[in-house]
N, C-alpha and C. Protein backbone atom coordinates (compact mmCIF):
# COMPACT_ATOMS: atom_id res chain seq x y z
N UNK A 1 9.03 17.58 -1.79
CA UNK A 1 8.91 16.26 -1.21
C UNK A 1 7.62 15.60 -1.70
N UNK A 2 7.74 14.35 -2.04
CA UNK A 2 6.59 13.59 -2.50
C UNK A 2 5.61 13.35 -1.36
N UNK A 3 4.31 13.28 -1.68
CA UNK A 3 3.30 12.94 -0.66
C UNK A 3 2.19 12.15 -1.32
N UNK A 4 1.45 11.42 -0.48
CA UNK A 4 0.32 10.64 -0.96
C UNK A 4 -0.94 11.11 -0.25
N UNK A 5 -2.04 11.15 -0.99
CA UNK A 5 -3.32 11.59 -0.42
C UNK A 5 -4.25 10.39 -0.34
N UNK A 6 -4.66 10.09 0.89
CA UNK A 6 -5.61 9.01 1.20
C UNK A 6 -6.77 9.63 1.96
N UNK A 7 -7.99 9.36 1.55
CA UNK A 7 -9.13 9.90 2.28
C UNK A 7 -9.36 9.11 3.57
N UNK A 8 -10.15 9.69 4.47
CA UNK A 8 -10.49 8.98 5.71
C UNK A 8 -11.23 7.68 5.40
N UNK A 9 -12.11 7.71 4.40
CA UNK A 9 -12.86 6.51 4.01
C UNK A 9 -11.89 5.45 3.49
N UNK A 10 -10.92 5.85 2.68
CA UNK A 10 -9.94 4.89 2.16
C UNK A 10 -9.12 4.29 3.30
N UNK A 11 -8.72 5.12 4.26
CA UNK A 11 -7.98 4.60 5.42
C UNK A 11 -8.84 3.61 6.20
N UNK A 12 -10.13 3.91 6.34
CA UNK A 12 -11.04 3.00 7.05
C UNK A 12 -11.16 1.67 6.31
N UNK A 13 -11.27 1.71 4.99
CA UNK A 13 -11.34 0.49 4.18
C UNK A 13 -10.08 -0.35 4.39
N UNK A 14 -8.93 0.31 4.37
CA UNK A 14 -7.65 -0.40 4.53
C UNK A 14 -7.47 -0.95 5.94
N UNK A 15 -7.85 -0.17 6.95
CA UNK A 15 -7.69 -0.67 8.33
C UNK A 15 -8.68 -1.81 8.60
N UNK A 16 -9.89 -1.73 8.04
CA UNK A 16 -10.86 -2.83 8.18
C UNK A 16 -10.32 -4.10 7.53
N UNK A 17 -9.72 -3.95 6.35
CA UNK A 17 -9.12 -5.08 5.62
C UNK A 17 -8.00 -5.70 6.47
N UNK A 18 -7.17 -4.85 7.06
CA UNK A 18 -6.06 -5.33 7.91
C UNK A 18 -6.60 -6.09 9.11
N UNK A 19 -7.64 -5.56 9.75
CA UNK A 19 -8.21 -6.23 10.92
C UNK A 19 -8.86 -7.57 10.55
N UNK A 20 -9.50 -7.60 9.39
CA UNK A 20 -10.17 -8.82 8.94
C UNK A 20 -9.16 -9.93 8.62
N UNK A 21 -7.98 -9.55 8.12
CA UNK A 21 -6.98 -10.52 7.70
C UNK A 21 -6.07 -11.00 8.84
N UNK A 22 -6.16 -10.33 10.00
CA UNK A 22 -5.32 -10.74 11.13
C UNK A 22 -5.51 -12.22 11.41
N UNK A 23 -4.50 -12.94 11.77
CA UNK A 23 -3.16 -12.53 12.19
C UNK A 23 -2.19 -12.33 11.01
N UNK A 24 -2.70 -12.49 9.76
CA UNK A 24 -1.82 -12.36 8.59
C UNK A 24 -1.75 -10.92 8.10
N UNK A 25 -0.71 -10.65 7.32
CA UNK A 25 -0.61 -9.34 6.67
C UNK A 25 -1.71 -9.24 5.63
N UNK A 26 -2.26 -8.04 5.49
CA UNK A 26 -3.21 -7.77 4.43
C UNK A 26 -2.48 -6.97 3.35
N UNK A 27 -3.07 -6.90 2.16
CA UNK A 27 -2.41 -6.15 1.10
C UNK A 27 -3.45 -5.58 0.13
N UNK A 28 -3.04 -4.55 -0.59
CA UNK A 28 -3.92 -3.90 -1.56
C UNK A 28 -3.06 -3.13 -2.56
N UNK A 29 -3.68 -2.86 -3.69
CA UNK A 29 -3.04 -2.02 -4.71
C UNK A 29 -3.79 -0.70 -4.74
N UNK A 30 -3.05 0.39 -4.74
CA UNK A 30 -3.64 1.73 -4.73
C UNK A 30 -3.51 2.34 -6.13
N UNK A 31 -4.64 2.71 -6.70
CA UNK A 31 -4.65 3.32 -8.02
C UNK A 31 -5.05 4.78 -7.88
N UNK A 32 -4.48 5.62 -8.72
CA UNK A 32 -4.82 7.03 -8.61
C UNK A 32 -4.15 7.86 -9.67
N UNK A 33 -3.93 9.12 -9.32
CA UNK A 33 -3.33 10.08 -10.24
C UNK A 33 -2.12 10.72 -9.58
N UNK A 34 -1.22 11.18 -10.42
CA UNK A 34 -0.04 11.89 -9.93
C UNK A 34 -0.04 13.28 -10.54
N UNK A 35 0.18 14.27 -9.69
CA UNK A 35 0.28 15.65 -10.15
C UNK A 35 1.43 16.28 -9.40
N UNK A 36 2.50 16.58 -10.11
CA UNK A 36 3.68 17.12 -9.44
C UNK A 36 4.21 16.09 -8.46
N UNK A 37 4.35 16.51 -7.20
CA UNK A 37 4.88 15.59 -6.18
C UNK A 37 3.76 14.91 -5.38
N UNK A 38 2.49 15.08 -5.80
CA UNK A 38 1.37 14.49 -5.07
C UNK A 38 0.80 13.29 -5.81
N UNK A 39 0.63 12.21 -5.07
CA UNK A 39 -0.06 11.03 -5.58
C UNK A 39 -1.39 10.95 -4.84
N UNK A 40 -2.49 10.97 -5.59
CA UNK A 40 -3.82 10.95 -4.98
C UNK A 40 -4.49 9.61 -5.27
N UNK A 41 -4.83 8.88 -4.20
CA UNK A 41 -5.48 7.59 -4.34
C UNK A 41 -6.93 7.82 -4.74
N UNK A 42 -7.33 7.20 -5.85
CA UNK A 42 -8.71 7.29 -6.34
C UNK A 42 -9.46 5.98 -6.15
N UNK A 43 -8.72 4.85 -6.14
CA UNK A 43 -9.34 3.53 -6.00
C UNK A 43 -8.44 2.62 -5.18
N UNK A 44 -9.05 1.95 -4.22
CA UNK A 44 -8.36 0.96 -3.39
C UNK A 44 -8.81 -0.41 -3.89
N UNK A 45 -7.87 -1.21 -4.36
CA UNK A 45 -8.15 -2.56 -4.83
C UNK A 45 -7.62 -3.53 -3.78
N UNK A 46 -8.54 -4.06 -2.95
CA UNK A 46 -8.15 -5.00 -1.89
C UNK A 46 -7.76 -6.33 -2.52
N UNK A 47 -6.61 -6.85 -2.11
CA UNK A 47 -6.11 -8.09 -2.68
C UNK A 47 -5.92 -9.13 -1.58
N UNK A 48 -5.73 -10.35 -2.01
CA UNK A 48 -5.52 -11.46 -1.08
C UNK A 48 -4.03 -11.70 -0.91
N UNK A 49 -3.62 -11.92 0.31
CA UNK A 49 -2.23 -12.29 0.59
C UNK A 49 -2.12 -13.79 0.36
N UNK A 50 -1.55 -14.17 -0.78
CA UNK A 50 -1.46 -15.60 -1.09
C UNK A 50 -0.49 -16.34 -0.17
N UNK A 51 0.39 -15.61 0.51
CA UNK A 51 1.30 -16.23 1.49
C UNK A 51 0.57 -16.65 2.76
N UNK A 52 -0.55 -15.99 3.05
CA UNK A 52 -1.28 -16.20 4.31
C UNK A 52 -0.29 -16.25 5.49
N UNK A 53 0.51 -15.19 5.58
CA UNK A 53 1.58 -15.11 6.56
C UNK A 53 1.47 -13.84 7.39
N UNK A 54 1.86 -13.90 8.68
CA UNK A 54 1.87 -12.68 9.50
C UNK A 54 3.10 -11.80 9.26
N UNK A 55 4.06 -12.28 8.46
CA UNK A 55 5.29 -11.50 8.25
C UNK A 55 5.64 -11.26 6.78
N UNK A 56 4.87 -11.80 5.85
CA UNK A 56 5.11 -11.60 4.41
C UNK A 56 3.79 -11.48 3.68
N UNK A 57 3.85 -10.90 2.49
CA UNK A 57 2.66 -10.90 1.64
C UNK A 57 3.07 -11.05 0.19
N UNK A 58 2.18 -11.67 -0.57
CA UNK A 58 2.33 -11.77 -2.01
C UNK A 58 0.96 -11.54 -2.63
N UNK A 59 0.94 -10.71 -3.66
CA UNK A 59 -0.28 -10.48 -4.43
C UNK A 59 -0.18 -11.39 -5.66
N UNK A 60 -1.23 -12.15 -5.92
CA UNK A 60 -1.19 -13.11 -7.03
C UNK A 60 -1.02 -12.41 -8.38
N UNK A 61 -0.47 -13.15 -9.33
CA UNK A 61 -0.30 -12.63 -10.69
C UNK A 61 -1.66 -12.28 -11.29
N UNK A 62 -2.70 -13.07 -10.95
CA UNK A 62 -4.04 -12.81 -11.47
C UNK A 62 -4.57 -11.46 -10.97
N UNK A 63 -4.37 -11.20 -9.67
CA UNK A 63 -4.86 -9.93 -9.13
C UNK A 63 -4.02 -8.76 -9.65
N UNK A 64 -2.75 -8.99 -9.89
CA UNK A 64 -1.91 -7.94 -10.47
C UNK A 64 -2.38 -7.60 -11.89
N UNK A 65 -2.74 -8.64 -12.65
CA UNK A 65 -3.27 -8.41 -14.00
C UNK A 65 -4.61 -7.68 -13.94
N UNK A 66 -5.41 -8.01 -12.95
CA UNK A 66 -6.70 -7.33 -12.75
C UNK A 66 -6.46 -5.84 -12.47
N UNK A 67 -5.43 -5.54 -11.68
CA UNK A 67 -5.09 -4.13 -11.39
C UNK A 67 -4.63 -3.42 -12.65
N UNK A 68 -3.86 -4.12 -13.49
CA UNK A 68 -3.41 -3.54 -14.76
C UNK A 68 -4.61 -3.21 -15.64
N UNK A 69 -5.61 -4.11 -15.64
CA UNK A 69 -6.83 -3.90 -16.42
C UNK A 69 -7.60 -2.69 -15.88
N UNK A 70 -7.68 -2.57 -14.54
CA UNK A 70 -8.35 -1.42 -13.91
C UNK A 70 -7.67 -0.12 -14.31
N UNK A 71 -6.33 -0.15 -14.34
CA UNK A 71 -5.56 1.03 -14.74
C UNK A 71 -6.06 1.57 -16.08
N UNK A 72 -6.16 0.67 -17.04
CA UNK A 72 -6.58 1.07 -18.39
C UNK A 72 -8.04 1.52 -18.41
N UNK A 73 -8.92 0.71 -17.80
CA UNK A 73 -10.35 1.01 -17.83
C UNK A 73 -10.69 2.31 -17.12
N UNK A 74 -10.06 2.54 -15.97
CA UNK A 74 -10.37 3.73 -15.16
C UNK A 74 -9.48 4.92 -15.49
N UNK A 75 -8.52 4.70 -16.39
CA UNK A 75 -7.56 5.74 -16.76
C UNK A 75 -6.81 6.27 -15.53
N UNK A 76 -6.40 5.31 -14.68
CA UNK A 76 -5.63 5.62 -13.48
C UNK A 76 -4.29 4.93 -13.60
N UNK A 77 -3.46 5.12 -12.59
CA UNK A 77 -2.13 4.55 -12.56
C UNK A 77 -1.93 3.85 -11.21
N UNK A 78 -1.21 2.74 -11.21
CA UNK A 78 -0.87 2.12 -9.92
C UNK A 78 0.16 3.05 -9.26
N UNK A 79 -0.26 3.66 -8.16
CA UNK A 79 0.62 4.64 -7.49
C UNK A 79 1.12 4.15 -6.15
N UNK A 80 0.57 3.01 -5.68
CA UNK A 80 1.00 2.55 -4.37
C UNK A 80 0.67 1.11 -4.10
N UNK A 81 1.40 0.57 -3.13
CA UNK A 81 1.16 -0.77 -2.61
C UNK A 81 0.90 -0.59 -1.12
N UNK A 82 -0.15 -1.22 -0.64
CA UNK A 82 -0.48 -1.17 0.78
C UNK A 82 -0.29 -2.56 1.37
N UNK A 83 0.21 -2.60 2.59
CA UNK A 83 0.14 -3.84 3.37
C UNK A 83 0.19 -3.49 4.85
N UNK A 84 -0.19 -4.47 5.65
CA UNK A 84 -0.21 -4.25 7.10
C UNK A 84 0.91 -5.03 7.77
N UNK A 85 1.30 -4.52 8.91
CA UNK A 85 2.20 -5.23 9.82
C UNK A 85 1.37 -5.50 11.08
N UNK A 86 0.74 -6.68 11.17
CA UNK A 86 -0.19 -6.94 12.27
C UNK A 86 0.41 -6.78 13.66
N UNK A 87 1.69 -7.15 13.82
CA UNK A 87 2.29 -7.13 15.16
C UNK A 87 3.57 -6.31 15.25
N UNK A 88 3.70 -5.31 14.36
CA UNK A 88 4.90 -4.48 14.43
C UNK A 88 4.61 -3.07 13.93
N UNK A 89 5.67 -2.25 13.97
CA UNK A 89 5.55 -0.86 13.56
C UNK A 89 5.33 -0.76 12.05
N UNK A 90 4.84 0.39 11.64
CA UNK A 90 4.61 0.67 10.22
C UNK A 90 5.93 1.17 9.61
N UNK A 91 6.89 0.26 9.51
CA UNK A 91 8.19 0.59 8.92
C UNK A 91 8.60 -0.58 8.03
N UNK A 92 9.18 -0.31 6.86
CA UNK A 92 9.53 -1.40 5.94
C UNK A 92 10.51 -2.40 6.53
N UNK A 93 10.17 -3.68 6.39
CA UNK A 93 11.07 -4.76 6.80
C UNK A 93 12.15 -4.94 5.74
N UNK A 94 13.13 -5.78 6.00
CA UNK A 94 14.18 -6.02 5.01
C UNK A 94 13.57 -6.65 3.75
N UNK A 95 12.56 -7.50 3.91
CA UNK A 95 11.87 -8.08 2.74
C UNK A 95 11.15 -6.98 1.97
N UNK A 96 10.47 -6.09 2.69
CA UNK A 96 9.78 -4.97 2.03
C UNK A 96 10.77 -4.16 1.19
N UNK A 97 11.94 -3.90 1.74
CA UNK A 97 12.94 -3.09 1.04
C UNK A 97 13.32 -3.71 -0.30
N UNK A 98 13.46 -5.05 -0.32
CA UNK A 98 13.79 -5.73 -1.58
C UNK A 98 12.68 -5.52 -2.61
N UNK A 99 11.43 -5.65 -2.16
CA UNK A 99 10.32 -5.52 -3.09
C UNK A 99 10.03 -4.07 -3.46
N UNK A 100 10.40 -3.13 -2.59
CA UNK A 100 10.25 -1.72 -2.92
C UNK A 100 11.15 -1.38 -4.11
N UNK A 101 12.30 -2.02 -4.17
CA UNK A 101 13.23 -1.81 -5.27
C UNK A 101 12.61 -2.29 -6.59
N UNK A 102 11.86 -3.38 -6.54
CA UNK A 102 11.22 -3.94 -7.74
C UNK A 102 9.92 -3.22 -8.10
N UNK A 103 9.30 -2.59 -7.12
CA UNK A 103 8.02 -1.89 -7.32
C UNK A 103 8.18 -0.45 -6.84
N UNK A 104 8.74 0.42 -7.67
CA UNK A 104 9.07 1.79 -7.25
C UNK A 104 7.86 2.72 -7.21
N UNK A 105 6.94 2.40 -6.30
CA UNK A 105 5.77 3.24 -6.06
C UNK A 105 5.77 3.58 -4.57
N UNK A 106 4.78 4.32 -4.12
CA UNK A 106 4.66 4.61 -2.69
C UNK A 106 4.20 3.34 -1.98
N UNK A 107 4.84 3.04 -0.88
CA UNK A 107 4.44 1.89 -0.05
C UNK A 107 3.79 2.43 1.21
N UNK A 108 2.53 2.06 1.42
CA UNK A 108 1.78 2.48 2.60
C UNK A 108 1.68 1.27 3.53
N UNK A 109 2.07 1.47 4.78
CA UNK A 109 2.07 0.38 5.76
C UNK A 109 1.19 0.79 6.95
N UNK A 110 0.36 -0.15 7.38
CA UNK A 110 -0.52 0.06 8.53
C UNK A 110 -0.02 -0.81 9.68
N UNK A 111 0.16 -0.21 10.84
CA UNK A 111 0.59 -0.96 12.02
C UNK A 111 -0.63 -1.45 12.79
N UNK A 112 -0.69 -2.77 13.00
CA UNK A 112 -1.76 -3.35 13.81
C UNK A 112 -1.62 -3.02 15.28
N UNK A 113 -0.44 -2.57 15.69
CA UNK A 113 -0.20 -2.22 17.09
C UNK A 113 -0.64 -0.79 17.38
N UNK A 114 -0.05 0.16 16.64
CA UNK A 114 -0.34 1.58 16.91
C UNK A 114 -1.53 2.10 16.10
N UNK A 115 -2.01 1.31 15.14
CA UNK A 115 -3.15 1.67 14.28
C UNK A 115 -2.86 2.90 13.43
N UNK A 116 -1.58 3.14 13.10
CA UNK A 116 -1.27 4.29 12.26
C UNK A 116 -0.78 3.84 10.88
N UNK A 117 -0.90 4.76 9.94
CA UNK A 117 -0.46 4.56 8.57
C UNK A 117 0.81 5.36 8.35
N UNK A 118 1.77 4.77 7.66
CA UNK A 118 2.99 5.49 7.26
C UNK A 118 3.22 5.18 5.79
N UNK A 119 3.82 6.11 5.08
CA UNK A 119 4.10 5.92 3.65
C UNK A 119 5.59 6.12 3.40
N UNK A 120 6.11 5.32 2.47
CA UNK A 120 7.55 5.33 2.18
C UNK A 120 7.80 5.22 0.69
N UNK A 121 8.90 5.79 0.28
CA UNK A 121 9.43 5.58 -1.07
C UNK A 121 10.88 5.16 -0.93
N UNK A 122 11.36 4.42 -1.89
CA UNK A 122 12.76 4.01 -1.91
C UNK A 122 13.44 4.72 -3.06
N UNK A 123 14.38 5.59 -2.70
CA UNK A 123 15.20 6.21 -3.71
C UNK A 123 16.58 5.61 -3.50
N UNK A 124 17.57 6.36 -3.09
CA UNK A 124 18.83 5.71 -2.73
C UNK A 124 18.70 5.09 -1.34
N UNK A 125 17.80 5.67 -0.53
CA UNK A 125 17.47 5.13 0.79
C UNK A 125 15.96 5.18 0.95
N UNK A 126 15.48 4.55 2.00
CA UNK A 126 14.04 4.62 2.29
C UNK A 126 13.74 5.95 2.95
N UNK A 127 12.73 6.62 2.43
CA UNK A 127 12.31 7.90 2.99
C UNK A 127 10.83 7.84 3.33
N UNK A 128 10.50 8.31 4.52
CA UNK A 128 9.08 8.43 4.86
C UNK A 128 8.55 9.66 4.18
N UNK A 129 7.31 9.56 3.66
CA UNK A 129 6.67 10.72 3.04
C UNK A 129 5.35 10.97 3.76
N UNK A 130 4.85 12.20 3.71
CA UNK A 130 3.61 12.50 4.43
C UNK A 130 2.38 11.88 3.75
N UNK A 131 1.39 11.58 4.58
CA UNK A 131 0.08 11.15 4.10
C UNK A 131 -0.87 12.29 4.44
N UNK A 132 -1.54 12.81 3.41
CA UNK A 132 -2.54 13.86 3.63
C UNK A 132 -3.92 13.23 3.54
N UNK A 133 -4.87 13.80 4.27
CA UNK A 133 -6.25 13.35 4.20
C UNK A 133 -7.10 14.43 3.58
N UNK A 134 -8.14 14.00 2.92
CA UNK A 134 -9.09 14.96 2.34
C UNK A 134 -10.43 14.79 3.00
């Protein structure tokens, strides 16, 4: 089973970003390495939600290009997309499912209600995967 590794510091950075962006969804690109079934986050690239919406997020083309540049410079890979659900559970919405199909990486969601992180991949169906901390 696939899993993603996020440090406590990385989780703190992401939850702070989510709290700062409330009432809107926050978003970020997760860069790291893959070894076997483990994806390890090495860099959190905080991005702006250009939708400025509490129920949707969009990362600008400019920030996506910046992440592509980071990939090459840091010799890392985009392994995940992070976003928050300020007023709901950390489970993919129907909109998330559509975009998971277009971006087949690990999706990490933070719930503003329960303050927990959950990670998902979309294969034939959405599957929750474990998040390990270091």
